[in-house]
Amino acid sequence: MIVRFRDALVYIDSERVTDLMNGEHVVFYLGPGLHRIGVSKQFDPNWAFR
C-alpha cells in the first residue's frame, strides 16, 4: 500500500515508528501476520493503492 501524507505520525502495532513530512517516503517490511497501521489526524486524503 502506498499512502501520501502531508505531515503525519505513523504507528505500527501501537508503536510510533516515524514522523513523515512533505514529500518524504518510507517503506515498512512487515513480517507475516496481522498488523495495525495508524496515522495522526493531520494528513491529506491522497491515497494511491498498488
Protein backbone atom coordinates (compact mmCIF):
# COMPACT_ATOMS: atom_id res chain seq x y z
CA MET A 1 0.00 0.00 0.00
CA ILE A 2 1.27 3.48 -0.80
CA VAL A 3 -0.18 6.41 1.13
CA ARG A 4 0.92 10.02 0.74
CA PHE A 5 0.85 12.28 3.78
CA ARG A 6 1.49 15.99 4.28
CA ASP A 7 2.63 15.68 7.91
CA ALA A 8 1.78 12.65 9.98
CA LEU A 9 2.94 10.49 12.83
CA VAL A 10 2.92 6.85 11.77
CA TYR A 11 2.26 3.96 14.15
CA ILE A 12 2.57 0.22 13.59
CA ASP A 13 1.14 -2.14 16.18
CA SER A 14 0.63 0.78 18.63
CA GLU A 15 4.30 1.85 18.43
CA ARG A 16 5.31 5.19 16.92
CA VAL A 17 7.72 4.43 14.09
CA THR A 18 8.21 7.69 12.16
CA ASP A 19 7.07 11.25 11.51
CA LEU A 20 6.53 11.91 7.80
CA MET A 21 6.90 15.44 6.45
CA ASN A 22 6.22 16.92 3.00
CA GLY A 23 7.44 14.64 0.24
CA GLU A 24 9.13 12.07 2.48
CA HIS A 25 8.78 8.38 1.68
CA VAL A 26 9.03 5.38 3.94
CA VAL A 27 8.88 1.63 3.35
CA PHE A 28 7.97 -0.88 6.04
CA TYR A 29 8.88 -4.54 5.69
CA LEU A 30 6.46 -6.36 7.96
CA GLY A 31 6.58 -9.99 8.91
CA PRO A 32 3.67 -12.31 8.23
CA GLY A 33 0.54 -11.87 10.26
CA LEU A 34 -1.93 -9.17 11.17
CA HIS A 35 -0.57 -5.65 11.75
CA ARG A 36 -2.28 -2.41 12.76
CA ILE A 37 -1.10 0.71 10.92
CA GLY A 38 -2.25 4.11 12.17
CA VAL A 39 -1.54 7.75 11.41
CA SER A 40 -2.22 11.03 13.16
CA LYS A 41 -5.27 13.02 12.09
CA GLN A 42 -3.25 15.61 10.15
CA PHE A 43 -2.99 14.07 6.70
CA ASP A 44 -4.17 14.76 3.17
CA PRO A 45 -6.60 12.12 1.89
CA ASN A 46 -4.44 11.38 -1.15
CA TRP A 47 -4.30 7.59 -1.38
CA ALA A 48 -2.68 5.51 -4.07
CA PHE A 49 -3.01 1.73 -3.79
CA ARG A 50 -0.70 -0.52 -5.81
